[in-house]
Amino acid sequence: MYQFGLSLLFEVTEIAKSVYYYWLERFKKPKKDIDIVESIKQICKESDYTYGYRRVTQALANKGMTVNHKKVRRIMKEHHLTCTKFKHKTRKYNSYRGTIGKVAKNILKRRFNTDRPYQKVVTDITEFKLRDGTKAYLSPFMDLYNLEILSYRISKRPTIDIVIEPLTELL
């Protein structure tokens, strides 16, 4: 092994003596964000790497640790703790099939208030994405008199049956 003096190394590498000692001291200092990094790693692991930096920041705040979101983002980037299981939203269900059939008249004309039960009953179909990736469709019938759900159906497919069956129950 060769032994050289520091002054010779500074001269050859053209590094200032102050820069060398600055970095030497910096490497000796303990990392001040170790507890934050460990907490972020734990949160990412618990969430199965589905949290981004915003949700991790909120989870840290829930644990009583106030950390700036930019710092959380930087730490996550440095330690490769990115959200790996993000999926873009899939296309929503649309029942429109073109100019097939007749368009129903707008009888309500935004007059949703009523003074008698069962005078105005409305429905809609809502799409839910389940944890296993499948979709479910909900079709509730609501009375506009007291906003009570009178009947409903849940189905794996948006067929006409999820509207017809609860309607026949009501009648």
N, C-alpha and C. Protein backbone atom coordinates (compact mmCIF):
# COMPACT_ATOMS: atom_id res chain seq x y z
N MET A 1 0.84 -1.18 0.00
CA MET A 1 0.00 0.00 0.00
C MET A 1 0.89 1.24 0.00
N TYR A 2 0.53 2.19 -0.79
CA TYR A 2 1.30 3.43 -0.88
C TYR A 2 0.85 4.41 0.19
N GLN A 3 1.75 5.14 0.74
CA GLN A 3 1.45 6.16 1.74
C GLN A 3 1.80 7.53 1.17
N PHE A 4 0.82 8.39 1.09
CA PHE A 4 1.03 9.74 0.61
C PHE A 4 0.53 10.72 1.65
N GLY A 5 1.10 11.87 1.69
CA GLY A 5 0.65 12.92 2.59
C GLY A 5 -0.59 13.62 2.03
N LEU A 6 -1.39 14.18 2.93
CA LEU A 6 -2.61 14.86 2.50
C LEU A 6 -2.31 16.06 1.61
N SER A 7 -1.27 16.79 1.93
CA SER A 7 -0.96 17.98 1.13
C SER A 7 -0.65 17.61 -0.32
N LEU A 8 0.03 16.47 -0.53
CA LEU A 8 0.32 16.01 -1.89
C LEU A 8 -0.98 15.60 -2.60
N LEU A 9 -1.87 14.91 -1.89
CA LEU A 9 -3.16 14.51 -2.47
C LEU A 9 -4.02 15.73 -2.83
N PHE A 10 -4.02 16.74 -1.98
CA PHE A 10 -4.77 17.97 -2.28
C PHE A 10 -4.24 18.64 -3.53
N GLU A 11 -2.92 18.64 -3.65
CA GLU A 11 -2.27 19.29 -4.79
C GLU A 11 -2.58 18.55 -6.08
N VAL A 12 -2.51 17.22 -6.07
CA VAL A 12 -2.74 16.41 -7.27
C VAL A 12 -4.21 16.45 -7.69
N THR A 13 -5.12 16.32 -6.74
CA THR A 13 -6.55 16.28 -7.07
C THR A 13 -7.18 17.66 -7.19
N GLU A 14 -6.45 18.69 -6.83
CA GLU A 14 -6.92 20.07 -6.88
C GLU A 14 -8.17 20.28 -6.03
N ILE A 15 -8.18 19.64 -4.87
CA ILE A 15 -9.26 19.81 -3.90
C ILE A 15 -8.73 20.66 -2.77
N ALA A 16 -9.53 21.64 -2.37
CA ALA A 16 -9.12 22.51 -1.26
C ALA A 16 -9.14 21.72 0.04
N LYS A 17 -8.27 22.08 0.94
CA LYS A 17 -8.16 21.41 2.24
C LYS A 17 -9.46 21.55 3.03
N SER A 18 -10.10 22.72 2.92
CA SER A 18 -11.35 22.96 3.64
C SER A 18 -12.48 22.06 3.15
N VAL A 19 -12.50 21.78 1.84
CA VAL A 19 -13.52 20.89 1.26
C VAL A 19 -13.34 19.48 1.81
N TYR A 20 -12.11 19.01 1.87
CA TYR A 20 -11.83 17.68 2.39
C TYR A 20 -12.32 17.55 3.83
N TYR A 21 -12.00 18.51 4.68
CA TYR A 21 -12.39 18.43 6.08
C TYR A 21 -13.90 18.63 6.27
N TYR A 22 -14.50 19.41 5.38
CA TYR A 22 -15.96 19.58 5.42
C TYR A 22 -16.65 18.23 5.21
N TRP A 23 -16.23 17.52 4.17
CA TRP A 23 -16.85 16.24 3.87
C TRP A 23 -16.49 15.18 4.91
N LEU A 24 -15.31 15.25 5.46
CA LEU A 24 -14.91 14.32 6.50
C LEU A 24 -15.82 14.45 7.72
N GLU A 25 -16.09 15.69 8.13
CA GLU A 25 -16.99 15.93 9.27
C GLU A 25 -18.42 15.54 8.95
N ARG A 26 -18.81 15.79 7.72
CA ARG A 26 -20.18 15.47 7.32
C ARG A 26 -20.44 13.96 7.38
N PHE A 27 -19.47 13.16 6.99
CA PHE A 27 -19.63 11.71 7.05
C PHE A 27 -19.63 11.19 8.48
N LYS A 28 -18.99 11.91 9.38
CA LYS A 28 -18.95 11.49 10.78
C LYS A 28 -20.26 11.76 11.51
N LYS A 29 -21.01 12.78 11.04
CA LYS A 29 -22.26 13.16 11.72
C LYS A 29 -23.31 12.07 11.52
N PRO A 30 -24.07 11.77 12.56
CA PRO A 30 -25.16 10.80 12.38
C PRO A 30 -26.28 11.43 11.57
N LYS A 31 -26.99 10.61 10.84
CA LYS A 31 -28.11 11.10 10.03
C LYS A 31 -29.22 11.56 10.97
N LYS A 32 -29.72 12.78 10.74
CA LYS A 32 -30.73 13.33 11.65
C LYS A 32 -32.15 12.87 11.31
N ASP A 33 -32.36 12.31 10.12
CA ASP A 33 -33.70 11.92 9.71
C ASP A 33 -33.93 10.42 9.81
N ILE A 34 -33.13 9.72 10.58
CA ILE A 34 -33.24 8.26 10.65
C ILE A 34 -34.61 7.83 11.16
N ASP A 35 -35.12 8.49 12.20
CA ASP A 35 -36.43 8.11 12.74
C ASP A 35 -37.54 8.40 11.75
N ILE A 36 -37.42 9.49 10.99
CA ILE A 36 -38.43 9.82 9.97
C ILE A 36 -38.38 8.79 8.84
N VAL A 37 -37.17 8.44 8.42
CA VAL A 37 -37.01 7.46 7.34
C VAL A 37 -37.60 6.12 7.76
N GLU A 38 -37.33 5.70 8.99
CA GLU A 38 -37.87 4.43 9.47
C GLU A 38 -39.39 4.46 9.54
N SER A 39 -39.95 5.59 9.99
CA SER A 39 -41.41 5.72 10.05
C SER A 39 -42.01 5.67 8.65
N ILE A 40 -41.38 6.35 7.70
CA ILE A 40 -41.87 6.34 6.32
C ILE A 40 -41.80 4.93 5.74
N LYS A 41 -40.70 4.22 6.00
CA LYS A 41 -40.58 2.84 5.52
C LYS A 41 -41.67 1.95 6.10
N GLN A 42 -41.95 2.14 7.39
CA GLN A 42 -42.98 1.35 8.06
C GLN A 42 -44.36 1.65 7.47
N ILE A 43 -44.66 2.92 7.24
CA ILE A 43 -45.96 3.31 6.67
C ILE A 43 -46.10 2.74 5.26
N CYS A 44 -45.04 2.83 4.47
CA CYS A 44 -45.09 2.29 3.11
C CYS A 44 -45.32 0.78 3.12
N LYS A 45 -44.65 0.10 4.04
CA LYS A 45 -44.79 -1.36 4.13
C LYS A 45 -46.21 -1.73 4.58
N GLU A 46 -46.73 -1.01 5.59
CA GLU A 46 -48.08 -1.30 6.09
C GLU A 46 -49.14 -1.05 5.02
N SER A 47 -48.91 -0.05 4.16
CA SER A 47 -49.89 0.27 3.13
C SER A 47 -49.69 -0.55 1.86
N ASP A 48 -48.75 -1.48 1.92
CA ASP A 48 -48.44 -2.35 0.78
C ASP A 48 -47.98 -1.51 -0.43
N TYR A 49 -47.26 -0.43 -0.12
CA TYR A 49 -46.69 0.47 -1.12
C TYR A 49 -47.76 1.07 -2.04
N THR A 50 -48.91 1.40 -1.47
CA THR A 50 -49.96 2.05 -2.24
C THR A 50 -50.06 3.54 -1.91
N TYR A 51 -49.34 4.01 -0.91
CA TYR A 51 -49.39 5.42 -0.51
C TYR A 51 -48.36 6.23 -1.27
N GLY A 52 -48.77 7.42 -1.71
CA GLY A 52 -47.85 8.40 -2.26
C GLY A 52 -47.36 9.30 -1.14
N TYR A 53 -46.58 10.31 -1.50
CA TYR A 53 -45.98 11.15 -0.45
C TYR A 53 -47.03 11.94 0.32
N ARG A 54 -48.15 12.30 -0.31
CA ARG A 54 -49.18 13.06 0.39
C ARG A 54 -49.83 12.23 1.50
N ARG A 55 -50.17 10.98 1.17
CA ARG A 55 -50.80 10.12 2.17
C ARG A 55 -49.81 9.71 3.25
N VAL A 56 -48.54 9.56 2.88
CA VAL A 56 -47.52 9.25 3.89
C VAL A 56 -47.37 10.43 4.83
N THR A 57 -47.38 11.66 4.29
CA THR A 57 -47.30 12.86 5.13
C THR A 57 -48.46 12.90 6.10
N GLN A 58 -49.66 12.57 5.62
CA GLN A 58 -50.84 12.55 6.49
C GLN A 58 -50.73 11.46 7.55
N ALA A 59 -50.21 10.30 7.17
CA ALA A 59 -50.03 9.21 8.14
C ALA A 59 -49.01 9.59 9.21
N LEU A 60 -47.96 10.30 8.82
CA LEU A 60 -46.99 10.78 9.80
C LEU A 60 -47.64 11.78 10.75
N ALA A 61 -48.48 12.65 10.21
CA ALA A 61 -49.18 13.63 11.05
C ALA A 61 -50.12 12.92 12.02
N ASN A 62 -50.75 11.83 11.58
CA ASN A 62 -51.62 11.05 12.47
C ASN A 62 -50.83 10.41 13.60
N LYS A 63 -49.54 10.13 13.35
CA LYS A 63 -48.67 9.56 14.38
C LYS A 63 -48.06 10.64 15.27
N GLY A 64 -48.36 11.90 14.97
CA GLY A 64 -47.84 13.00 15.77
C GLY A 64 -46.51 13.55 15.30
N MET A 65 -46.10 13.19 14.09
CA MET A 65 -44.84 13.68 13.54
C MET A 65 -45.15 14.72 12.46
N THR A 66 -44.77 15.96 12.71
CA THR A 66 -44.99 17.02 11.73
C THR A 66 -43.78 17.10 10.82
N VAL A 67 -43.98 16.69 9.57
CA VAL A 67 -42.90 16.69 8.59
C VAL A 67 -43.43 17.34 7.32
N ASN A 68 -42.64 18.22 6.73
CA ASN A 68 -43.03 18.90 5.50
C ASN A 68 -43.18 17.88 4.37
N HIS A 69 -44.20 18.09 3.53
CA HIS A 69 -44.46 17.14 2.45
C HIS A 69 -43.31 17.07 1.45
N LYS A 70 -42.58 18.17 1.28
CA LYS A 70 -41.44 18.16 0.36
C LYS A 70 -40.31 17.29 0.90
N LYS A 71 -40.14 17.30 2.21
CA LYS A 71 -39.12 16.46 2.83
C LYS A 71 -39.51 14.98 2.71
N VAL A 72 -40.79 14.68 2.93
CA VAL A 72 -41.27 13.30 2.79
C VAL A 72 -41.05 12.83 1.36
N ARG A 73 -41.37 13.68 0.40
CA ARG A 73 -41.20 13.32 -1.01
C ARG A 73 -39.73 13.06 -1.33
N ARG A 74 -38.84 13.92 -0.82
CA ARG A 74 -37.40 13.76 -1.06
C ARG A 74 -36.89 12.45 -0.46
N ILE A 75 -37.30 12.17 0.78
CA ILE A 75 -36.85 10.94 1.46
C ILE A 75 -37.36 9.71 0.72
N MET A 76 -38.63 9.75 0.30
CA MET A 76 -39.19 8.61 -0.43
C MET A 76 -38.46 8.40 -1.76
N LYS A 77 -38.10 9.49 -2.40
CA LYS A 77 -37.38 9.38 -3.67
C LYS A 77 -35.98 8.82 -3.46
N GLU A 78 -35.28 9.31 -2.42
CA GLU A 78 -33.92 8.84 -2.13
C GLU A 78 -33.88 7.36 -1.77
N HIS A 79 -34.92 6.88 -1.09
CA HIS A 79 -34.95 5.49 -0.63
C HIS A 79 -35.80 4.58 -1.53
N HIS A 80 -36.21 5.10 -2.68
CA HIS A 80 -36.99 4.34 -3.66
C HIS A 80 -38.26 3.75 -3.03
N LEU A 81 -39.00 4.58 -2.31
CA LEU A 81 -40.24 4.14 -1.66
C LEU A 81 -41.45 4.69 -2.41
N THR A 82 -41.45 4.52 -3.71
CA THR A 82 -42.54 5.06 -4.51
C THR A 82 -43.74 4.13 -4.48
N CYS A 83 -44.87 4.68 -4.81
CA CYS A 83 -46.11 3.92 -4.88
C CYS A 83 -46.02 2.99 -6.09
N THR A 84 -46.06 1.69 -5.84
CA THR A 84 -45.88 0.73 -6.93
C THR A 84 -47.17 0.08 -7.40
N LYS A 85 -48.24 0.21 -6.63
CA LYS A 85 -49.47 -0.50 -6.97
C LYS A 85 -50.58 0.44 -7.42
N PHE A 86 -50.21 1.61 -7.94
CA PHE A 86 -51.19 2.58 -8.39
C PHE A 86 -51.77 2.13 -9.72
N LYS A 87 -53.08 2.24 -9.86
CA LYS A 87 -53.73 1.94 -11.12
C LYS A 87 -54.49 3.17 -11.57
N HIS A 88 -54.41 3.46 -12.85
CA HIS A 88 -55.20 4.56 -13.37
C HIS A 88 -56.67 4.16 -13.32
N LYS A 89 -57.51 5.14 -13.16
CA LYS A 89 -58.94 4.85 -13.08
C LYS A 89 -59.42 4.26 -14.40
N THR A 90 -60.24 3.25 -14.27
CA THR A 90 -60.76 2.60 -15.46
C THR A 90 -61.92 3.41 -16.01
N ARG A 91 -62.29 3.10 -17.22
CA ARG A 91 -63.39 3.79 -17.87
C ARG A 91 -64.68 3.51 -17.12
N LYS A 92 -65.44 4.55 -16.87
CA LYS A 92 -66.70 4.41 -16.14
C LYS A 92 -67.78 3.85 -17.05
N TYR A 93 -68.76 3.23 -16.42
CA TYR A 93 -69.89 2.67 -17.15
C TYR A 93 -70.72 3.79 -17.74
N ASN A 94 -71.11 3.63 -18.99
CA ASN A 94 -71.97 4.59 -19.65
C ASN A 94 -73.05 3.81 -20.37
N SER A 95 -74.30 4.06 -20.05
CA SER A 95 -75.40 3.30 -20.63
C SER A 95 -75.82 3.85 -21.99
N TYR A 96 -75.26 4.95 -22.42
CA TYR A 96 -75.64 5.57 -23.69
C TYR A 96 -75.23 4.67 -24.85
N ARG A 97 -76.17 4.33 -25.72
CA ARG A 97 -75.91 3.45 -26.86
C ARG A 97 -76.21 4.14 -28.19
N GLY A 98 -76.18 5.43 -28.21
CA GLY A 98 -76.48 6.15 -29.45
C GLY A 98 -77.95 6.53 -29.51
N THR A 99 -78.47 6.65 -30.71
CA THR A 99 -79.86 7.10 -30.88
C THR A 99 -80.82 5.93 -30.96
N ILE A 100 -80.65 4.95 -30.08
CA ILE A 100 -81.53 3.79 -30.04
C ILE A 100 -82.67 4.11 -29.08
N GLY A 101 -83.90 3.86 -29.49
CA GLY A 101 -85.05 4.06 -28.61
C GLY A 101 -85.45 5.52 -28.52
N LYS A 102 -86.29 5.82 -27.53
CA LYS A 102 -86.82 7.17 -27.35
C LYS A 102 -86.24 7.80 -26.09
N VAL A 103 -86.05 9.10 -26.13
CA VAL A 103 -85.59 9.83 -24.96
C VAL A 103 -86.81 10.19 -24.13
N ALA A 104 -86.78 9.85 -22.85
CA ALA A 104 -87.92 10.13 -21.97
C ALA A 104 -88.04 11.63 -21.73
N LYS A 105 -89.28 12.08 -21.56
CA LYS A 105 -89.52 13.50 -21.29
C LYS A 105 -89.04 13.84 -19.88
N ASN A 106 -88.59 15.06 -19.71
CA ASN A 106 -88.15 15.55 -18.40
C ASN A 106 -89.39 16.03 -17.64
N ILE A 107 -90.01 15.11 -16.93
CA ILE A 107 -91.25 15.44 -16.22
C ILE A 107 -90.96 16.26 -14.97
N LEU A 108 -89.90 15.95 -14.27
CA LEU A 108 -89.60 16.65 -13.01
C LEU A 108 -89.18 18.10 -13.22
N LYS A 109 -88.41 18.38 -14.25
CA LYS A 109 -87.89 19.72 -14.54
C LYS A 109 -87.29 20.37 -13.31
N ARG A 110 -86.47 19.60 -12.60
CA ARG A 110 -85.74 20.04 -11.40
C ARG A 110 -86.64 20.46 -10.25
N ARG A 111 -87.90 20.04 -10.26
CA ARG A 111 -88.80 20.29 -9.12
C ARG A 111 -88.80 19.02 -8.26
N PHE A 112 -87.82 18.92 -7.38
CA PHE A 112 -87.61 17.71 -6.61
C PHE A 112 -88.43 17.67 -5.33
N ASN A 113 -88.94 18.78 -4.87
CA ASN A 113 -89.73 18.81 -3.64
C ASN A 113 -91.15 18.32 -3.92
N THR A 114 -91.71 17.63 -2.94
CA THR A 114 -93.07 17.12 -3.07
C THR A 114 -93.74 17.12 -1.71
N ASP A 115 -95.07 17.16 -1.70
CA ASP A 115 -95.81 17.21 -0.44
C ASP A 115 -96.47 15.88 -0.09
N ARG A 116 -96.32 14.86 -0.95
CA ARG A 116 -96.94 13.56 -0.69
C ARG A 116 -95.93 12.44 -0.91
N PRO A 117 -95.99 11.40 -0.08
CA PRO A 117 -95.10 10.25 -0.31
C PRO A 117 -95.47 9.52 -1.60
N TYR A 118 -94.51 8.91 -2.21
CA TYR A 118 -94.65 8.11 -3.43
C TYR A 118 -95.13 8.91 -4.64
N GLN A 119 -95.11 10.25 -4.54
CA GLN A 119 -95.49 11.05 -5.70
C GLN A 119 -94.34 11.10 -6.71
N LYS A 120 -93.12 11.25 -6.18
CA LYS A 120 -91.94 11.30 -7.03
C LYS A 120 -90.91 10.32 -6.49
N VAL A 121 -90.66 9.27 -7.26
CA VAL A 121 -89.67 8.25 -6.90
C VAL A 121 -88.63 8.24 -8.01
N VAL A 122 -87.36 8.34 -7.62
CA VAL A 122 -86.27 8.42 -8.61
C VAL A 122 -85.28 7.28 -8.39
N THR A 123 -84.48 7.02 -9.42
CA THR A 123 -83.46 5.99 -9.35
C THR A 123 -82.23 6.41 -10.15
N ASP A 124 -81.15 5.72 -9.91
CA ASP A 124 -79.92 5.92 -10.66
C ASP A 124 -79.08 4.66 -10.49
N ILE A 125 -78.07 4.51 -11.33
CA ILE A 125 -77.16 3.37 -11.20
C ILE A 125 -75.79 3.91 -10.84
N THR A 126 -75.21 3.38 -9.76
CA THR A 126 -73.89 3.80 -9.29
C THR A 126 -72.93 2.63 -9.39
N GLU A 127 -71.73 2.91 -9.90
CA GLU A 127 -70.70 1.88 -10.07
C GLU A 127 -69.70 1.96 -8.92
N PHE A 128 -69.39 0.81 -8.32
CA PHE A 128 -68.39 0.73 -7.25
C PHE A 128 -67.29 -0.22 -7.68
N LYS A 129 -66.04 0.14 -7.38
CA LYS A 129 -64.93 -0.76 -7.64
C LYS A 129 -64.59 -1.46 -6.33
N LEU A 130 -64.60 -2.78 -6.33
CA LEU A 130 -64.35 -3.57 -5.14
C LEU A 130 -62.86 -3.83 -4.97
N ARG A 131 -62.48 -4.31 -3.78
CA ARG A 131 -61.06 -4.55 -3.47
C ARG A 131 -60.41 -5.57 -4.40
N ASP A 132 -61.18 -6.55 -4.84
CA ASP A 132 -60.60 -7.58 -5.70
C ASP A 132 -60.52 -7.16 -7.17
N GLY A 133 -60.88 -5.91 -7.47
CA GLY A 133 -60.77 -5.39 -8.83
C GLY A 133 -62.05 -5.49 -9.64
N THR A 134 -63.03 -6.22 -9.15
CA THR A 134 -64.29 -6.33 -9.86
C THR A 134 -65.16 -5.11 -9.57
N LYS A 135 -66.26 -5.01 -10.30
CA LYS A 135 -67.17 -3.88 -10.12
C LYS A 135 -68.52 -4.37 -9.65
N ALA A 136 -69.21 -3.51 -8.92
CA ALA A 136 -70.58 -3.78 -8.49
C ALA A 136 -71.42 -2.57 -8.86
N TYR A 137 -72.68 -2.81 -9.17
CA TYR A 137 -73.58 -1.74 -9.58
C TYR A 137 -74.76 -1.70 -8.62
N LEU A 138 -75.07 -0.50 -8.12
CA LEU A 138 -76.14 -0.29 -7.16
C LEU A 138 -77.22 0.55 -7.83
N SER A 139 -78.48 0.10 -7.70
CA SER A 139 -79.61 0.85 -8.24
C SER A 139 -80.64 1.04 -7.13
N PRO A 140 -80.58 2.17 -6.40
CA PRO A 140 -81.57 2.42 -5.35
C PRO A 140 -82.77 3.22 -5.89
N PHE A 141 -83.94 3.00 -5.30
CA PHE A 141 -85.13 3.80 -5.59
C PHE A 141 -85.38 4.68 -4.38
N MET A 142 -85.43 6.00 -4.59
CA MET A 142 -85.56 6.95 -3.49
C MET A 142 -86.83 7.77 -3.66
N ASP A 143 -87.57 7.91 -2.56
CA ASP A 143 -88.76 8.75 -2.52
C ASP A 143 -88.32 10.18 -2.22
N LEU A 144 -88.69 11.14 -3.07
CA LEU A 144 -88.27 12.52 -2.89
C LEU A 144 -89.05 13.24 -1.78
N TYR A 145 -90.08 12.60 -1.25
CA TYR A 145 -90.83 13.22 -0.15
C TYR A 145 -89.97 13.30 1.11
N ASN A 146 -89.37 12.17 1.51
CA ASN A 146 -88.55 12.16 2.73
C ASN A 146 -87.14 11.61 2.48
N LEU A 147 -86.76 11.46 1.21
CA LEU A 147 -85.44 10.97 0.80
C LEU A 147 -85.13 9.58 1.35
N GLU A 148 -86.16 8.78 1.49
CA GLU A 148 -86.03 7.40 1.99
C GLU A 148 -85.74 6.46 0.82
N ILE A 149 -84.82 5.51 1.04
CA ILE A 149 -84.55 4.48 0.04
C ILE A 149 -85.64 3.42 0.20
N LEU A 150 -86.45 3.27 -0.83
CA LEU A 150 -87.59 2.35 -0.77
C LEU A 150 -87.19 0.93 -1.17
N SER A 151 -86.30 0.82 -2.13
CA SER A 151 -85.88 -0.48 -2.62
C SER A 151 -84.55 -0.30 -3.36
N TYR A 152 -83.79 -1.39 -3.48
CA TYR A 152 -82.52 -1.31 -4.20
C TYR A 152 -82.10 -2.68 -4.68
N ARG A 153 -81.17 -2.70 -5.61
CA ARG A 153 -80.56 -3.93 -6.10
C ARG A 153 -79.07 -3.69 -6.29
N ILE A 154 -78.29 -4.73 -6.03
CA ILE A 154 -76.85 -4.71 -6.29
C ILE A 154 -76.56 -5.86 -7.24
N SER A 155 -75.76 -5.58 -8.26
CA SER A 155 -75.47 -6.60 -9.26
C SER A 155 -74.02 -6.48 -9.72
N LYS A 156 -73.50 -7.57 -10.26
CA LYS A 156 -72.14 -7.57 -10.82
C LYS A 156 -72.12 -6.96 -12.23
N ARG A 157 -73.30 -6.94 -12.90
CA ARG A 157 -73.39 -6.39 -14.25
C ARG A 157 -74.53 -5.38 -14.32
N PRO A 158 -74.36 -4.30 -15.09
CA PRO A 158 -75.42 -3.27 -15.17
C PRO A 158 -76.50 -3.65 -16.19
N THR A 159 -77.33 -4.61 -15.83
CA THR A 159 -78.40 -5.04 -16.72
C THR A 159 -79.70 -4.33 -16.35
N ILE A 160 -80.69 -4.49 -17.18
CA ILE A 160 -82.00 -3.86 -16.95
C ILE A 160 -82.69 -4.46 -15.71
N ASP A 161 -82.30 -5.68 -15.33
CA ASP A 161 -82.92 -6.35 -14.18
C ASP A 161 -82.70 -5.61 -12.87
N ILE A 162 -81.56 -4.92 -12.71
CA ILE A 162 -81.33 -4.23 -11.44
C ILE A 162 -82.21 -3.00 -11.30
N VAL A 163 -82.90 -2.60 -12.38
CA VAL A 163 -83.86 -1.50 -12.30
C VAL A 163 -85.28 -2.06 -12.24
N ILE A 164 -85.57 -3.07 -13.03
CA ILE A 164 -86.93 -3.61 -13.12
C ILE A 164 -87.36 -4.33 -11.84
N GLU A 165 -86.49 -5.16 -11.26
CA GLU A 165 -86.87 -5.94 -10.07
C GLU A 165 -87.27 -5.07 -8.88
N PRO A 166 -86.48 -4.05 -8.49
CA PRO A 166 -86.93 -3.21 -7.37
C PRO A 166 -88.17 -2.39 -7.71
N LEU A 167 -88.33 -2.06 -8.99
CA LEU A 167 -89.52 -1.30 -9.40
C LEU A 167 -90.78 -2.15 -9.24
N THR A 168 -90.70 -3.43 -9.63
CA THR A 168 -91.86 -4.30 -9.46
C THR A 168 -92.15 -4.56 -7.98
N GLU A 169 -91.11 -4.55 -7.14
CA GLU A 169 -91.32 -4.67 -5.69
C GLU A 169 -92.12 -3.49 -5.16
N LEU A 170 -91.82 -2.30 -5.66
CA LEU A 170 -92.50 -1.09 -5.19
C LEU A 170 -93.96 -1.06 -5.62
N LEU A 171 -94.21 -1.54 -6.82
CA LEU A 171 -95.58 -1.50 -7.34
C LEU A 171 -96.37 -2.62 -6.73
